[in-house]
Amino acid sequence: MAGFFDLSSPCLEADSSPAPETETRKAARLHSAIMTVELGLVVASLQPDCARTGGDAGLSGDFFRGQIPANIGNLTSLKALNLSGSFQGDVQIPTTLGNLCNLHTLVLSQFNLSLELAKLGRIFSGCLKHSLVELDLSYTSLHGSLPKWLKNLTNLKSLDLSSNKIKSTLPPWLYKLSRLENLNLASNALQGRDILANIGDFLSSLKFLDLSYNDPGLSLPTTIGNLCKLQGLFLSGLNLSKEAAKFKQIFSGCIAQSLRMLSLSETYLGGDMPDWIGGLKNLQLLDLHSNQINSTLPPWLFNLTTIAYLDLSYNDFHGSIPSLFENMISLEILVLGGNSHLEGPIPVTLGKLCKLQELHLFNINFSQNFHDYGNIFSGCIRNSLQGLGLSNTSLSGHFPNEIWNLKSLLGLDIGQNSLSGSIPTEIGRLSSVRYLNLSNNQLSGAIPKSLRQLSHLMYLDLEHNNLESVSSEDHLAIPELLVDLSLSMNKINERTPSKGHALDLKSLLWIEVQQ
């Protein structure tokens, strides 16, 4: 190795003990030829005379104090530099970074530069402009227009300028970056209906394009369909209501075969669910939430068997939830909540989705006895499910016994229903659960001792029920790692232990037991 920049040396006046080994450090250890400095989120003061040679390191923590030393430019063997989130206050980027002639990855995200993007030009006028392959300046409060110095980064494959204040059109010279594979300009103030006019003709190497949350009047050129390598297209937050006529032409091109991820949430699509989506046979992620789509769930949807993430929440879908969901064997996350005109029952076939990790069906009127849904949780879903959201779904009756077999469950939200009876002692079998919301039901009886078996539980909401404690203080058995506890509007008596008393809950930040 041509040198080692040791961030654990006396050059760093650290405020905390070293953090566990990061993925970057593991990669550097396994591939010793890669020279990397990752200073992301470290509590320390970086001394100027420490930056002398190239090397590799990976640390994590909170923040550096002060500024990036100018002689970091002496680390001439560096191939990757990650300073993400590492500095407090306003930060100045030394122009000497431009001397790092071997640097291919530069991550300067998540701190406050607060300057015009054009003023970074001196940094990228040196030999760095020839070597750089990945540049990340996201979340740095940059503003102004897209500067011309970007066109000199001719080897750039990844450019992330998201979540800044860039107010600009896409200039024609941007298309000279013909090697770009990842372009993320989301959450800025990009303007102009036709700013994408030639993108499909010139940036043919693009694999990921994110223009979400920019000018809502942006127009989609049909040439996007010519991006034969595009795997991810993210256009959330744009007003695409007038673009619907183009969609069939765009997605009938070669993009239909390459696309893996499509996010069109909050784009005012309206009407029926677009049938051209059925031609995207290789989709793995589809996000259409908050679009005022008013239709039933179409049969062709269930032929998209490669989808792992499906979010159709907060639309106006109506009718029943088809049992055909069992065909979507790759599903890991399914979000249908917020479609108040959908109705029950919940199809038992959902229990056959052996890869399903999250199921969110909140704010749907099922009007069923929850106990009747036991068969869903006896399928192979019992081994994979980590999150279950059934709040405000008009469920009544008792808990199904099978729900306590969800050993991988991390979060259960079944608040705002009409569940009755006691909380079964079997709840203690949810050994992995961290979030538990049973509020606003009609549950009664004592809070079971078995809750103490939920050793990972951090959030517990039992408010607005008819629960009660008994005379023995130790019967109100609450897990020790709990951070947030709400027992208000129950029949909890005056002997309920308070924070730091009988329960000795050292981690508890919030407790509410108001009657």
Protein backbone atom coordinates (compact mmCIF):
# COMPACT_ATOMS: atom_id res chain seq x y z
CA MET A 1 0.00 0.00 0.00
CA ALA A 2 1.38 3.42 -0.99
CA GLY A 3 0.64 5.07 2.32
CA PHE A 4 -1.75 5.09 5.25
CA PHE A 5 -3.79 7.99 6.61
CA ASP A 6 -4.53 6.85 10.16
CA LEU A 7 -7.62 8.57 11.54
CA SER A 8 -7.09 6.89 14.91
CA SER A 9 -3.65 8.53 15.35
CA PRO A 10 -2.92 11.45 17.72
CA CYS A 11 -3.60 13.78 14.77
CA LEU A 12 -7.26 13.30 15.59
CA GLU A 13 -8.42 14.59 18.96
CA ALA A 14 -11.42 12.32 19.27
CA ASP A 15 -14.33 12.82 21.65
CA SER A 16 -15.51 9.22 21.63
CA SER A 17 -14.26 5.69 21.33
CA PRO A 18 -13.87 4.17 17.84
CA ALA A 19 -17.10 3.09 16.21
CA PRO A 20 -17.71 -0.45 14.96
CA GLU A 21 -16.18 -1.41 11.66
CA THR A 22 -18.11 0.10 8.77
CA GLU A 23 -18.81 -1.47 5.39
CA THR A 24 -16.28 0.93 3.87
CA ARG A 25 -13.59 -0.16 6.29
CA LYS A 26 -14.36 -3.82 5.60
CA ALA A 27 -14.07 -3.18 1.87
CA ALA A 28 -10.77 -1.39 2.31
CA ARG A 29 -9.42 -4.22 4.45
CA LEU A 30 -10.45 -6.84 1.93
CA HIS A 31 -9.27 -4.85 -1.09
CA SER A 32 -6.10 -3.23 0.13
CA ALA A 33 -5.29 -1.71 -3.24
CA ILE A 34 -8.22 0.71 -2.88
CA MET A 35 -7.19 3.92 -1.17
CA THR A 36 -10.14 5.42 0.68
CA VAL A 37 -10.67 8.02 3.36
CA GLU A 38 -14.16 7.97 4.81
CA LEU A 39 -14.55 10.63 7.49
CA GLY A 40 -18.32 10.38 7.52
CA LEU A 41 -19.78 11.44 10.87
CA VAL A 42 -16.82 11.41 13.26
CA VAL A 43 -16.46 13.33 16.53
CA ALA A 44 -12.96 14.78 16.28
CA SER A 45 -10.77 17.75 15.41
CA LEU A 46 -8.83 17.25 12.20
CA GLN A 47 -5.32 18.67 12.52
CA PRO A 48 -3.85 20.34 9.39
CA ASP A 49 -0.44 18.66 9.57
CA CYS A 50 -1.94 15.18 9.46
CA ALA A 51 -2.79 15.15 5.76
CA ARG A 52 0.38 13.91 4.15
CA THR A 53 0.02 10.64 2.32
CA GLY A 54 -2.62 8.50 0.69
CA GLY A 55 -4.39 5.73 2.51
CA ASP A 56 -7.58 4.06 3.53
CA ALA A 57 -9.78 4.32 6.60
CA GLY A 58 -13.40 4.14 7.64
CA LEU A 59 -14.93 5.64 10.76
CA SER A 60 -18.37 6.70 11.92
CA GLY A 61 -19.61 8.94 14.71
CA ASP A 62 -20.92 12.50 14.80
CA PHE A 63 -18.97 15.50 13.53
CA PHE A 64 -15.55 17.02 12.85
CA ARG A 65 -14.92 20.52 14.12
CA GLY A 66 -13.24 23.24 12.12
CA GLN A 67 -12.52 23.12 8.40
CA ILE A 68 -11.17 20.65 5.88
CA PRO A 69 -7.40 21.27 5.92
CA ALA A 70 -5.96 22.62 2.68
CA ASN A 71 -3.14 20.10 2.64
CA ILE A 72 -5.61 17.25 2.25
CA GLY A 73 -4.59 17.78 -1.36
CA ASN A 74 -1.31 16.05 -0.49
CA LEU A 75 -3.12 12.71 -0.24
CA THR A 76 -2.27 12.05 -3.85
CA SER A 77 -2.93 8.30 -3.70
CA LEU A 78 -6.55 8.76 -2.66
CA LYS A 79 -9.12 7.08 -4.85
CA ALA A 80 -12.22 7.73 -2.73
CA LEU A 81 -13.02 10.51 -0.25
CA ASN A 82 -16.25 10.55 1.76
CA LEU A 83 -16.81 13.53 4.06
CA SER A 84 -20.59 13.09 4.23
CA GLY A 85 -22.15 14.78 7.25
CA SER A 86 -18.80 15.26 8.92
CA PHE A 87 -18.63 19.00 9.61
CA GLN A 88 -20.70 21.43 11.64
CA GLY A 89 -21.44 24.98 10.53
CA ASP A 90 -20.44 26.57 7.25
CA VAL A 91 -17.78 24.58 5.44
CA GLN A 92 -15.26 25.71 2.85
CA ILE A 93 -13.96 23.19 0.35
CA PRO A 94 -10.22 23.70 -0.23
CA THR A 95 -9.24 24.12 -3.87
CA THR A 96 -6.38 21.70 -3.24
CA LEU A 97 -8.86 18.86 -3.65
CA GLY A 98 -8.35 19.50 -7.34
CA ASN A 99 -4.82 18.07 -6.98
CA LEU A 100 -6.09 14.57 -6.15
CA CYS A 101 -5.35 13.16 -9.58
CA ASN A 102 -6.32 9.59 -8.69
CA LEU A 103 -9.61 10.41 -6.98
CA HIS A 104 -12.60 8.74 -8.61
CA THR A 105 -15.21 9.14 -5.82
CA LEU A 106 -15.92 12.40 -3.98
CA VAL A 107 -18.81 12.56 -1.50
CA LEU A 108 -19.35 15.99 0.10
CA SER A 109 -23.01 15.63 1.07
CA GLN A 110 -24.98 16.66 4.15
CA PHE A 111 -23.22 19.77 5.29
CA ASN A 112 -23.64 23.48 4.75
CA LEU A 113 -21.75 24.95 1.81
CA SER A 114 -24.32 27.73 1.24
CA LEU A 115 -22.75 29.08 -1.92
CA GLU A 116 -23.31 29.23 -5.64
CA LEU A 117 -22.50 26.00 -7.37
CA ALA A 118 -20.43 27.94 -9.91
CA LYS A 119 -17.94 28.94 -7.19
CA LEU A 120 -16.73 25.36 -6.86
CA GLY A 121 -15.25 25.59 -10.34
CA ARG A 122 -11.63 26.09 -9.19
CA ILE A 123 -11.69 22.73 -7.43
CA PHE A 124 -12.67 20.95 -10.60
CA SER A 125 -10.26 22.77 -12.91
CA GLY A 126 -7.27 20.65 -11.88
CA CYS A 127 -6.45 17.06 -12.73
CA LEU A 128 -9.44 15.97 -10.63
CA LYS A 129 -11.72 16.73 -13.56
CA HIS A 130 -10.15 13.86 -15.52
CA SER A 131 -10.24 11.20 -12.79
CA LEU A 132 -13.60 11.83 -11.13
CA VAL A 133 -16.25 9.18 -11.75
CA GLU A 134 -18.68 9.84 -8.88
CA LEU A 135 -19.62 13.24 -7.41
CA ASP A 136 -22.14 13.68 -4.59
CA LEU A 137 -23.00 17.22 -3.47
CA SER A 138 -26.50 16.47 -2.15
CA TYR A 139 -27.95 18.28 0.88
CA THR A 140 -25.32 21.03 0.86
CA SER A 141 -27.51 24.17 0.42
CA LEU A 142 -25.99 24.91 -2.98
CA HIS A 143 -27.85 27.42 -5.14
CA GLY A 144 -27.69 29.11 -8.52
CA SER A 145 -27.64 27.53 -11.96
CA LEU A 146 -25.93 24.39 -13.16
CA PRO A 147 -22.35 25.60 -13.81
CA LYS A 148 -20.35 25.05 -16.98
CA TRP A 149 -17.46 23.42 -15.12
CA LEU A 150 -19.60 20.29 -14.86
CA LYS A 151 -19.17 19.67 -18.58
CA ASN A 152 -15.42 19.17 -18.04
CA LEU A 153 -16.03 16.07 -15.90
CA THR A 154 -16.15 13.92 -19.00
CA ASN A 155 -15.58 10.62 -17.16
CA LEU A 156 -18.38 11.21 -14.68
CA LYS A 157 -20.77 8.28 -14.24
CA SER A 158 -22.69 9.43 -11.17
CA LEU A 159 -23.82 12.98 -10.34
CA ASP A 160 -25.97 13.69 -7.28
CA LEU A 161 -27.03 17.31 -6.71
CA SER A 162 -30.33 16.47 -5.01
CA SER A 163 -31.93 18.44 -2.18
CA ASN A 164 -30.31 21.78 -2.89
CA LYS A 165 -31.62 25.12 -4.17
CA ILE A 166 -30.53 24.89 -7.78
CA LYS A 167 -32.75 27.07 -9.97
CA SER A 168 -32.01 26.34 -13.57
CA THR A 169 -32.91 24.66 -16.80
CA LEU A 170 -30.90 21.68 -18.02
CA PRO A 171 -28.28 23.33 -20.26
CA PRO A 172 -27.39 21.70 -23.61
CA TRP A 173 -23.78 21.11 -22.55
CA LEU A 174 -25.00 18.67 -19.88
CA TYR A 175 -25.52 16.18 -22.68
CA LYS A 176 -21.74 16.07 -23.20
CA LEU A 177 -21.56 13.93 -20.06
CA SER A 178 -22.30 10.93 -22.23
CA ARG A 179 -20.98 8.42 -19.70
CA LEU A 180 -23.48 9.40 -17.01
CA GLU A 181 -25.25 6.39 -15.52
CA ASN A 182 -26.80 8.04 -12.45
CA LEU A 183 -28.26 11.56 -12.53
CA ASN A 184 -30.05 12.77 -9.40
CA LEU A 185 -31.38 16.34 -9.47
CA ALA A 186 -34.38 15.73 -7.20
CA SER A 187 -35.74 18.36 -4.80
CA ASN A 188 -34.38 21.47 -6.45
CA ALA A 189 -36.05 24.25 -8.46
CA LEU A 190 -35.29 23.08 -11.99
CA GLN A 191 -37.52 24.94 -14.42
CA GLY A 192 -38.88 24.75 -17.94
CA ARG A 193 -41.32 22.41 -19.61
CA ASP A 194 -38.84 21.18 -22.18
CA ILE A 195 -35.68 20.83 -20.12
CA LEU A 196 -35.51 17.11 -20.90
CA ALA A 197 -36.06 17.49 -24.62
CA ASN A 198 -32.94 15.64 -25.84
CA ILE A 199 -32.13 13.47 -22.86
CA GLY A 200 -33.02 10.23 -24.58
CA ASP A 201 -30.81 10.99 -27.57
CA PHE A 202 -27.60 12.00 -25.80
CA LEU A 203 -27.46 10.42 -22.33
CA SER A 204 -27.88 6.88 -23.61
CA SER A 205 -25.84 5.36 -20.74
CA LEU A 206 -28.29 6.49 -18.05
CA LYS A 207 -29.39 3.78 -15.63
CA PHE A 208 -31.00 5.97 -12.96
CA LEU A 209 -32.74 9.33 -13.43
CA ASP A 210 -34.35 11.24 -10.56
CA LEU A 211 -36.04 14.58 -11.23
CA SER A 212 -38.63 14.34 -8.45
CA TYR A 213 -40.00 17.45 -6.76
CA ASN A 214 -38.88 20.09 -9.24
CA ASP A 215 -40.95 22.35 -11.49
CA PRO A 216 -44.40 20.68 -11.48
CA GLY A 217 -44.92 21.79 -15.09
CA LEU A 218 -42.01 19.79 -16.47
CA SER A 219 -42.74 18.07 -19.78
CA LEU A 220 -41.70 14.50 -20.57
CA PRO A 221 -40.10 14.00 -23.99
CA THR A 222 -40.94 10.78 -25.80
CA THR A 223 -37.19 10.22 -26.24
CA ILE A 224 -37.05 8.96 -22.64
CA GLY A 225 -38.33 5.73 -24.12
CA ASN A 226 -35.01 5.44 -25.99
CA LEU A 227 -33.01 5.09 -22.77
CA CYS A 228 -32.45 1.39 -23.28
CA LYS A 229 -30.28 1.01 -20.16
CA LEU A 230 -32.54 2.93 -17.78
CA GLN A 231 -33.38 0.89 -14.69
CA GLY A 232 -34.77 3.56 -12.36
CA LEU A 233 -37.04 6.50 -13.25
CA PHE A 234 -38.19 8.76 -10.41
CA LEU A 235 -40.57 11.62 -11.25
CA SER A 236 -42.56 11.99 -8.01
CA GLY A 237 -44.08 15.37 -7.20
CA LEU A 238 -44.35 16.54 -10.81
CA ASN A 239 -47.68 17.42 -12.39
CA LEU A 240 -47.95 14.81 -15.14
CA SER A 241 -51.71 15.06 -15.64
CA LYS A 242 -51.19 16.56 -19.12
CA GLU A 243 -48.51 14.04 -20.06
CA ALA A 244 -50.69 10.93 -19.92
CA ALA A 245 -51.13 10.84 -23.69
CA LYS A 246 -47.36 10.38 -24.11
CA PHE A 247 -46.98 7.55 -21.64
CA LYS A 248 -47.92 4.72 -23.99
CA GLN A 249 -45.39 5.89 -26.57
CA ILE A 250 -42.65 6.46 -23.99
CA PHE A 251 -43.07 3.10 -22.32
CA SER A 252 -43.44 1.14 -25.53
CA GLY A 253 -39.80 1.79 -26.36
CA CYS A 254 -36.82 -0.24 -25.20
CA ILE A 255 -37.21 1.29 -21.73
CA ALA A 256 -40.06 -1.19 -21.20
CA GLN A 257 -37.54 -4.02 -21.03
CA SER A 258 -34.86 -2.30 -18.94
CA LEU A 259 -36.94 -0.50 -16.31
CA ARG A 260 -36.79 -1.97 -12.81
CA MET A 261 -38.00 0.96 -10.67
CA LEU A 262 -40.73 3.49 -11.46
CA SER A 263 -41.88 6.16 -9.02
CA LEU A 264 -44.74 8.41 -10.12
CA SER A 265 -46.22 9.25 -6.72
CA GLU A 266 -48.02 12.60 -6.30
CA THR A 267 -48.11 13.24 -10.04
CA TYR A 268 -51.87 13.86 -10.46
CA LEU A 269 -52.42 10.91 -12.76
CA GLY A 270 -56.12 10.49 -11.90
CA GLY A 271 -58.55 8.26 -13.78
CA ASP A 272 -57.96 4.55 -14.28
CA MET A 273 -54.74 2.84 -13.35
CA PRO A 274 -52.58 3.24 -16.50
CA ASP A 275 -52.62 -0.02 -18.46
CA TRP A 276 -49.23 0.64 -20.09
CA ILE A 277 -47.69 -0.31 -16.75
CA GLY A 278 -48.69 -3.88 -17.56
CA GLY A 279 -46.03 -3.92 -20.28
CA LEU A 280 -43.18 -3.27 -17.83
CA LYS A 281 -42.52 -6.95 -17.24
CA ASN A 282 -39.28 -6.52 -15.28
CA LEU A 283 -40.50 -3.97 -12.72
CA GLN A 284 -39.30 -4.52 -9.17
CA LEU A 285 -40.55 -1.24 -7.65
CA LEU A 286 -43.77 0.59 -8.48
CA ASP A 287 -44.83 3.64 -6.47
CA LEU A 288 -48.08 5.34 -7.48
CA HIS A 289 -49.24 6.64 -4.11
CA SER A 290 -51.31 9.83 -3.81
CA ASN A 291 -52.47 10.08 -7.42
CA GLN A 292 -56.29 10.20 -7.27
CA ILE A 293 -56.47 7.00 -9.32
CA ASN A 294 -60.12 5.97 -9.42
CA SER A 295 -60.57 2.36 -10.52
CA THR A 296 -60.58 -1.20 -9.34
CA LEU A 297 -57.30 -3.08 -9.02
CA PRO A 298 -56.88 -4.32 -12.63
CA PRO A 299 -56.25 -8.02 -13.42
CA TRP A 300 -53.11 -7.26 -15.47
CA LEU A 301 -51.42 -5.90 -12.34
CA PHE A 302 -51.05 -9.41 -10.97
CA ASN A 303 -49.03 -10.53 -13.98
CA LEU A 304 -46.14 -8.32 -12.82
CA THR A 305 -44.57 -11.15 -10.88
CA THR A 306 -41.16 -9.50 -10.43
CA ILE A 307 -42.44 -6.59 -8.32
CA ALA A 308 -40.95 -6.54 -4.82
CA TYR A 309 -42.21 -3.09 -3.71
CA LEU A 310 -45.75 -1.95 -4.54
CA ASP A 311 -47.24 1.26 -3.13
CA LEU A 312 -50.74 2.17 -4.30
CA SER A 313 -51.74 3.99 -1.10
CA TYR A 314 -53.86 7.14 -0.84
CA ASN A 315 -55.75 6.78 -4.09
CA ASP A 316 -59.42 6.15 -4.83
CA PHE A 317 -59.29 2.46 -5.64
CA HIS A 318 -62.58 0.72 -4.99
CA GLY A 319 -64.01 -2.78 -4.92
CA SER A 320 -62.53 -5.79 -3.18
CA ILE A 321 -58.86 -6.74 -2.87
CA PRO A 322 -58.35 -9.58 -5.37
CA SER A 323 -57.04 -12.96 -4.28
CA LEU A 324 -54.76 -12.77 -7.34
CA PHE A 325 -52.10 -11.09 -5.19
CA GLU A 326 -50.78 -14.60 -4.59
CA ASN A 327 -49.35 -14.46 -8.15
CA MET A 328 -46.99 -11.66 -7.13
CA ILE A 329 -44.52 -14.07 -5.59
CA SER A 330 -41.68 -11.54 -5.37
CA LEU A 331 -43.58 -9.05 -3.18
CA GLU A 332 -41.67 -7.85 -0.13
CA ILE A 333 -43.56 -4.63 0.61
CA LEU A 334 -47.26 -4.06 -0.15
CA VAL A 335 -48.94 -0.75 0.70
CA LEU A 336 -52.64 -0.37 -0.11
CA GLY A 337 -53.64 1.80 2.85
CA GLY A 338 -55.55 5.04 2.50
CA ASN A 339 -57.91 3.67 -0.17
CA SER A 340 -61.05 4.11 1.90
CA HIS A 341 -63.33 2.73 -0.82
CA LEU A 342 -61.61 -0.65 -0.92
CA GLU A 343 -63.46 -3.28 1.05
CA GLY A 344 -62.95 -6.67 2.63
CA PRO A 345 -62.36 -9.35 3.20
CA ILE A 346 -58.58 -9.44 3.31
CA PRO A 347 -57.70 -12.24 0.89
CA VAL A 348 -56.32 -15.31 2.64
CA THR A 349 -53.96 -15.76 -0.32
CA LEU A 350 -51.79 -12.94 1.04
CA GLY A 351 -50.52 -15.52 3.51
CA LYS A 352 -48.89 -17.37 0.60
CA LEU A 353 -46.52 -14.49 -0.17
CA CYS A 354 -43.43 -16.08 1.34
CA LYS A 355 -41.18 -13.02 0.83
CA LEU A 356 -43.60 -10.40 2.16
CA GLN A 357 -41.96 -8.27 4.85
CA GLU A 358 -44.40 -5.37 5.18
CA LEU A 359 -48.18 -5.32 4.72
CA HIS A 360 -49.98 -1.99 5.15
CA LEU A 361 -53.76 -2.00 4.78
CA PHE A 362 -54.65 0.96 7.05
CA ASN A 363 -57.77 3.09 6.53
CA ILE A 364 -59.67 0.43 4.57
CA ASN A 365 -63.17 -0.59 5.62
CA PHE A 366 -62.95 -4.35 6.17
CA SER A 367 -65.76 -4.54 8.78
CA GLN A 368 -64.75 -8.09 9.71
CA ASN A 369 -64.03 -10.14 12.81
CA PHE A 370 -60.26 -10.11 13.20
CA HIS A 371 -60.32 -13.61 14.63
CA ASP A 372 -61.49 -14.93 11.24
CA TYR A 373 -58.21 -13.93 9.59
CA GLY A 374 -56.08 -16.49 11.38
CA ASN A 375 -55.45 -18.48 8.19
CA ILE A 376 -53.56 -15.56 6.67
CA PHE A 377 -50.96 -15.70 9.42
CA SER A 378 -50.59 -19.46 9.30
CA GLY A 379 -49.16 -19.38 5.77
CA CYS A 380 -45.49 -18.91 4.94
CA ILE A 381 -45.94 -15.18 5.57
CA ARG A 382 -45.48 -16.00 9.26
CA ASN A 383 -41.75 -16.44 8.67
CA SER A 384 -41.14 -13.23 6.71
CA LEU A 385 -43.55 -10.54 7.93
CA GLN A 386 -41.85 -7.67 9.80
CA GLY A 387 -44.44 -4.89 9.62
CA LEU A 388 -48.25 -5.14 9.78
CA GLY A 389 -50.45 -2.03 9.54
CA LEU A 390 -54.19 -2.55 10.06
CA SER A 391 -55.18 0.66 11.84
CA ASN A 392 -58.64 2.13 11.25
CA THR A 393 -59.96 -0.86 9.32
CA SER A 394 -63.22 -1.50 11.25
CA LEU A 395 -61.97 -4.82 12.63
CA SER A 396 -63.78 -6.26 15.65
CA GLY A 397 -63.67 -9.32 17.88
CA HIS A 398 -60.61 -10.99 19.37
CA PHE A 399 -57.06 -11.46 18.14
CA PRO A 400 -56.50 -14.54 15.99
CA ASN A 401 -54.21 -17.00 17.76
CA GLU A 402 -52.05 -17.35 14.65
CA ILE A 403 -50.86 -13.73 14.81
CA TRP A 404 -48.62 -14.58 17.76
CA ASN A 405 -46.58 -16.86 15.49
CA LEU A 406 -45.12 -13.88 13.60
CA LYS A 407 -41.67 -14.29 15.13
CA SER A 408 -40.01 -11.77 12.76
CA LEU A 409 -42.57 -9.01 13.41
CA LEU A 410 -40.96 -5.65 14.25
CA GLY A 411 -44.04 -3.44 14.11
CA LEU A 412 -47.76 -4.05 14.68
CA ASP A 413 -50.29 -1.24 14.33
CA ILE A 414 -53.90 -2.24 14.87
CA GLY A 415 -55.12 0.94 16.54
CA GLN A 416 -58.49 2.64 15.92
CA ASN A 417 -60.54 -0.53 15.59
CA SER A 418 -63.15 -2.28 17.74
CA LEU A 419 -61.14 -5.18 19.13
CA SER A 420 -62.48 -6.52 22.42
CA GLY A 421 -61.52 -8.92 25.16
CA SER A 422 -58.22 -9.10 26.98
CA ILE A 423 -54.72 -8.87 25.55
CA PRO A 424 -53.66 -12.53 25.35
CA THR A 425 -50.59 -13.65 27.26
CA GLU A 426 -49.36 -15.09 23.95
CA ILE A 427 -48.38 -11.55 22.95
CA GLY A 428 -45.09 -12.30 24.66
CA ARG A 429 -44.21 -14.59 21.75
CA LEU A 430 -43.65 -11.59 19.47
CA SER A 431 -40.04 -11.67 20.55
CA SER A 432 -38.72 -9.24 17.91
CA VAL A 433 -41.39 -6.54 18.06
CA ARG A 434 -40.26 -2.93 18.63
CA TYR A 435 -43.44 -0.97 17.86
CA LEU A 436 -46.85 -1.99 19.21
CA ASN A 437 -49.99 0.12 18.80
CA LEU A 438 -53.23 -1.31 20.19
CA SER A 439 -54.78 2.08 21.03
CA ASN A 440 -58.38 3.17 20.50
CA ASN A 441 -59.97 -0.26 20.79
CA GLN A 442 -62.22 -1.88 23.41
CA LEU A 443 -59.61 -4.08 25.06
CA SER A 444 -60.19 -4.87 28.72
CA GLY A 445 -58.64 -6.69 31.65
CA ALA A 446 -55.14 -6.48 33.05
CA ILE A 447 -52.02 -5.68 31.07
CA PRO A 448 -50.36 -9.11 30.82
CA LYS A 449 -47.06 -9.88 32.51
CA SER A 450 -45.86 -11.47 29.28
CA LEU A 451 -45.21 -7.99 27.86
CA ARG A 452 -41.92 -8.13 29.74
CA GLN A 453 -40.82 -10.84 27.33
CA LEU A 454 -40.81 -8.26 24.52
CA SER A 455 -37.21 -7.36 25.19
CA HIS A 456 -36.85 -5.19 22.06
CA LEU A 457 -40.06 -3.17 22.50
CA MET A 458 -39.46 0.60 22.34
CA TYR A 459 -42.91 2.04 21.60
CA LEU A 460 -46.13 0.88 23.29
CA ASP A 461 -49.48 2.62 22.84
CA LEU A 462 -52.45 1.19 24.75
CA GLU A 463 -54.43 4.41 25.24
CA HIS A 464 -58.20 4.68 24.88
CA ASN A 465 -59.08 1.14 25.94
CA ASN A 466 -60.66 -0.33 29.08
CA LEU A 467 -57.47 -1.82 30.49
CA GLU A 468 -56.74 -1.93 34.19
CA SER A 469 -53.89 -2.83 36.48
CA VAL A 470 -54.24 -4.87 39.67
CA SER A 471 -53.09 -4.24 43.21
CA SER A 472 -49.71 -5.86 42.75
CA GLU A 473 -47.30 -3.31 41.28
CA ASP A 474 -45.18 -5.93 39.56
CA HIS A 475 -48.19 -7.01 37.51
CA LEU A 476 -47.86 -3.93 35.30
CA ALA A 477 -44.99 -5.58 33.49
CA ILE A 478 -43.46 -3.19 30.98
CA PRO A 479 -40.30 -3.98 28.94
CA GLU A 480 -37.17 -2.29 30.21
CA LEU A 481 -36.03 -0.80 26.86
CA LEU A 482 -39.27 1.12 26.36
CA VAL A 483 -38.85 4.71 25.14
CA ASP A 484 -42.48 5.75 24.64
CA LEU A 485 -45.40 4.46 26.74
CA SER A 486 -49.01 5.66 26.55
CA LEU A 487 -51.66 4.24 28.90
CA SER A 488 -54.02 7.24 29.05
CA MET A 489 -57.81 6.91 29.00
CA ASN A 490 -57.85 3.45 30.58
CA LYS A 491 -58.81 2.25 34.05
CA ILE A 492 -55.24 2.17 35.34
CA ASN A 493 -55.40 2.66 39.11
CA GLU A 494 -53.37 4.98 41.34
CA ARG A 495 -50.78 2.31 42.08
CA THR A 496 -49.44 2.41 38.54
CA PRO A 497 -45.68 2.87 38.90
CA SER A 498 -44.29 6.08 37.53
CA LYS A 499 -41.13 6.54 35.53
CA GLY A 500 -38.04 5.72 37.55
CA HIS A 501 -40.08 4.21 40.41
CA ALA A 502 -41.13 0.57 40.52
CA LEU A 503 -40.42 -0.01 36.84
CA ASP A 504 -36.92 1.52 36.79
CA LEU A 505 -37.26 2.23 33.07
CA LYS A 506 -33.96 4.00 32.43
CA SER A 507 -34.63 4.39 28.71
CA LEU A 508 -38.16 5.81 28.99
CA LEU A 509 -38.50 9.29 27.47
CA TRP A 510 -42.30 9.62 27.54
CA ILE A 511 -45.03 8.15 29.71
CA GLU A 512 -48.69 9.14 29.72
CA VAL A 513 -51.20 7.63 32.14
CA GLN A 514 -53.83 10.37 32.19
CA GLN A 515 -57.34 9.16 33.02
